[in-house]
Amino acid sequence: MNSGPGVFRVLALDVGTVRVGVAVSDPLGLTAQPLSTLQRKPDQLFYEKLANIVEEYQVETIVLGLPIGLKGQRGDSWREVQTVLEKIRSSWPDLVVETFDERFTSTMAQRVTREAPKKKKRDKGLVDQVAAQLILQHYLESKRV
């Protein structure tokens, strides 16, 4: 699946109960771009769309934002991510699937989207996409250290 020496794609997911923000890295794994927002339900359609993205972008690694509270608590959102994580790992056993701390990404995404034009602000999925982009950018930066 590798596109060449030093070339790979990383996909990040900001998993919510209604929507999933999706971001993808450039082929060199340096930058993150928001890609789309997928509806979580029905499950089968969500995983079909995800499969199309994995194939189209030749993804080798999927990173899921892991919602952990400031004091390390794990709530319903954490369990939701674990469910998606297990399904992705069983569906794509050849991919690297990781989690990455997503603390503050939704807050930062909301700040970023406040600057968006009015038409974009009405797109509820925009915050999810930007959150996925922030998760991915932080993940990529952590791998370069």
Protein backbone atom coordinates (compact mmCIF):
# COMPACT_ATOMS: atom_id res chain seq x y z
CA MET A 1 0.00 0.00 0.00
CA ASN A 2 3.00 2.34 0.38
CA SER A 3 3.05 5.00 -2.34
CA GLY A 4 6.84 5.18 -2.45
CA PRO A 5 9.83 5.89 -0.24
CA GLY A 6 8.90 8.23 2.59
CA VAL A 7 5.36 8.67 1.25
CA PHE A 8 2.37 7.76 3.38
CA ARG A 9 -1.06 9.04 4.27
CA VAL A 10 -2.47 9.39 7.72
CA LEU A 11 -6.20 9.80 8.29
CA ALA A 12 -7.59 11.33 11.48
CA LEU A 13 -11.11 10.93 12.81
CA ASP A 14 -12.88 13.12 15.34
CA VAL A 15 -15.60 10.67 16.39
CA GLY A 16 -18.90 11.99 17.63
CA THR A 17 -22.23 10.32 18.18
CA VAL A 18 -23.81 12.07 15.18
CA ARG A 19 -20.89 13.07 12.93
CA VAL A 20 -17.24 12.15 12.37
CA GLY A 21 -14.81 14.81 11.24
CA VAL A 22 -12.19 13.52 8.82
CA ALA A 23 -8.77 14.97 7.99
CA VAL A 24 -5.94 13.60 5.86
CA SER A 25 -2.23 14.27 5.75
CA ASP A 26 -0.26 15.29 2.71
CA PRO A 27 1.69 12.37 1.14
CA LEU A 28 4.82 13.23 3.14
CA GLY A 29 2.99 13.30 6.46
CA LEU A 30 3.87 16.93 7.18
CA THR A 31 0.54 18.75 7.15
CA ALA A 32 -3.10 18.00 7.85
CA GLN A 33 -6.06 19.12 5.76
CA PRO A 34 -9.74 18.84 6.67
CA LEU A 35 -11.42 16.40 4.31
CA SER A 36 -15.08 15.83 5.10
CA THR A 37 -17.68 15.07 7.71
CA LEU A 38 -19.35 11.66 7.74
CA GLN A 39 -22.66 10.83 9.38
CA ARG A 40 -22.29 8.08 12.02
CA LYS A 41 -25.61 6.40 11.31
CA PRO A 42 -26.40 4.08 9.76
CA ASP A 43 -23.22 2.24 10.74
CA GLN A 44 -22.93 0.31 7.50
CA LEU A 45 -23.00 3.48 5.39
CA PHE A 46 -20.46 5.18 7.67
CA TYR A 47 -17.98 2.30 7.33
CA GLU A 48 -18.56 2.08 3.56
CA LYS A 49 -17.73 5.78 3.16
CA LEU A 50 -14.72 5.37 5.40
CA ALA A 51 -13.54 2.42 3.28
CA ASN A 52 -13.81 4.57 0.16
CA ILE A 53 -11.66 7.27 1.77
CA VAL A 54 -9.07 4.73 2.98
CA GLU A 55 -8.78 3.35 -0.54
CA GLU A 56 -8.86 6.67 -2.40
CA TYR A 57 -6.15 8.25 -0.24
CA GLN A 58 -4.09 5.07 0.17
CA VAL A 59 -4.22 5.46 3.93
CA GLU A 60 -1.68 3.52 5.98
CA THR A 61 -2.47 4.91 9.43
CA ILE A 62 -5.74 5.94 11.04
CA VAL A 63 -5.66 8.12 14.15
CA LEU A 64 -8.74 8.52 16.29
CA GLY A 65 -9.02 11.44 18.66
CA LEU A 66 -9.36 10.04 22.17
CA PRO A 67 -11.58 12.12 24.47
CA ILE A 68 -10.07 12.05 27.92
CA GLY A 69 -11.11 14.53 30.59
CA LEU A 70 -8.65 16.91 32.20
CA LYS A 71 -8.35 14.58 35.16
CA GLY A 72 -8.02 11.48 32.99
CA GLN A 73 -11.67 10.43 33.22
CA ARG A 74 -13.23 8.31 30.50
CA GLY A 75 -16.88 8.85 29.70
CA ASP A 76 -19.43 7.93 27.07
CA SER A 77 -17.46 9.66 24.31
CA TRP A 78 -14.40 7.58 25.17
CA ARG A 79 -16.46 4.37 24.95
CA GLU A 80 -17.88 5.51 21.59
CA VAL A 81 -14.35 5.96 20.21
CA GLN A 82 -13.36 2.52 21.53
CA THR A 83 -16.26 0.94 19.63
CA VAL A 84 -15.21 2.62 16.37
CA LEU A 85 -11.56 1.75 17.06
CA GLU A 86 -12.35 -1.96 17.44
CA LYS A 87 -14.44 -2.00 14.26
CA ILE A 88 -11.69 -0.25 12.25
CA ARG A 89 -9.01 -2.60 13.55
CA SER A 90 -11.08 -5.66 12.62
CA SER A 91 -12.04 -4.22 9.21
CA TRP A 92 -8.52 -3.14 8.22
CA PRO A 93 -6.03 -5.43 10.00
CA ASP A 94 -3.16 -4.23 7.76
CA LEU A 95 -3.50 -0.59 8.80
CA VAL A 96 -1.85 1.03 11.77
CA VAL A 97 -4.67 2.28 14.00
CA GLU A 98 -3.83 4.58 16.90
CA THR A 99 -5.47 6.98 19.30
CA PHE A 100 -4.27 10.45 20.14
CA ASP A 101 -5.28 12.73 23.01
CA GLU A 102 -7.79 15.20 21.66
CA ARG A 103 -8.07 17.48 24.68
CA PHE A 104 -8.91 21.04 23.72
CA THR A 105 -9.23 20.30 19.97
CA SER A 106 -12.98 20.96 19.89
CA THR A 107 -12.50 24.25 21.75
CA MET A 108 -9.71 25.27 19.38
CA ALA A 109 -11.81 24.19 16.38
CA GLN A 110 -14.72 26.34 17.55
CA ARG A 111 -12.38 29.33 17.83
CA VAL A 112 -11.01 28.72 14.34
CA THR A 113 -14.46 28.36 12.80
CA ARG A 114 -15.67 31.62 14.37
CA GLU A 115 -13.44 33.31 11.79
CA ALA A 116 -15.11 31.45 8.91
CA PRO A 117 -17.53 33.21 6.55
CA LYS A 118 -21.19 33.10 7.67
CA LYS A 119 -22.16 30.44 5.13
CA LYS A 120 -19.40 28.12 6.39
CA LYS A 121 -20.31 28.78 10.04
CA ARG A 122 -23.72 27.20 9.44
CA ASP A 123 -22.02 23.95 8.41
CA LYS A 124 -22.15 21.96 11.66
CA GLY A 125 -19.60 19.54 10.27
CA LEU A 126 -16.98 22.27 9.87
CA VAL A 127 -16.05 22.14 13.57
CA ASP A 128 -15.72 18.35 13.31
CA GLN A 129 -13.45 18.63 10.27
CA VAL A 130 -11.26 21.27 11.90
CA ALA A 131 -11.07 19.20 15.11
CA ALA A 132 -9.90 16.20 13.04
CA GLN A 133 -7.36 18.45 11.31
CA LEU A 134 -6.01 19.65 14.67
CA ILE A 135 -5.81 16.10 16.02
CA LEU A 136 -3.90 15.04 12.93
CA GLN A 137 -1.56 18.03 12.91
CA HIS A 138 -0.65 17.46 16.57
CA TYR A 139 -0.18 13.74 15.89
CA LEU A 140 2.11 14.44 12.91
CA GLU A 141 4.14 16.94 14.93
CA SER A 142 4.53 14.45 17.79
CA LYS A 143 6.02 11.91 15.35
CA ARG A 144 8.66 14.40 14.14
CA VAL A 145 10.05 15.13 17.61
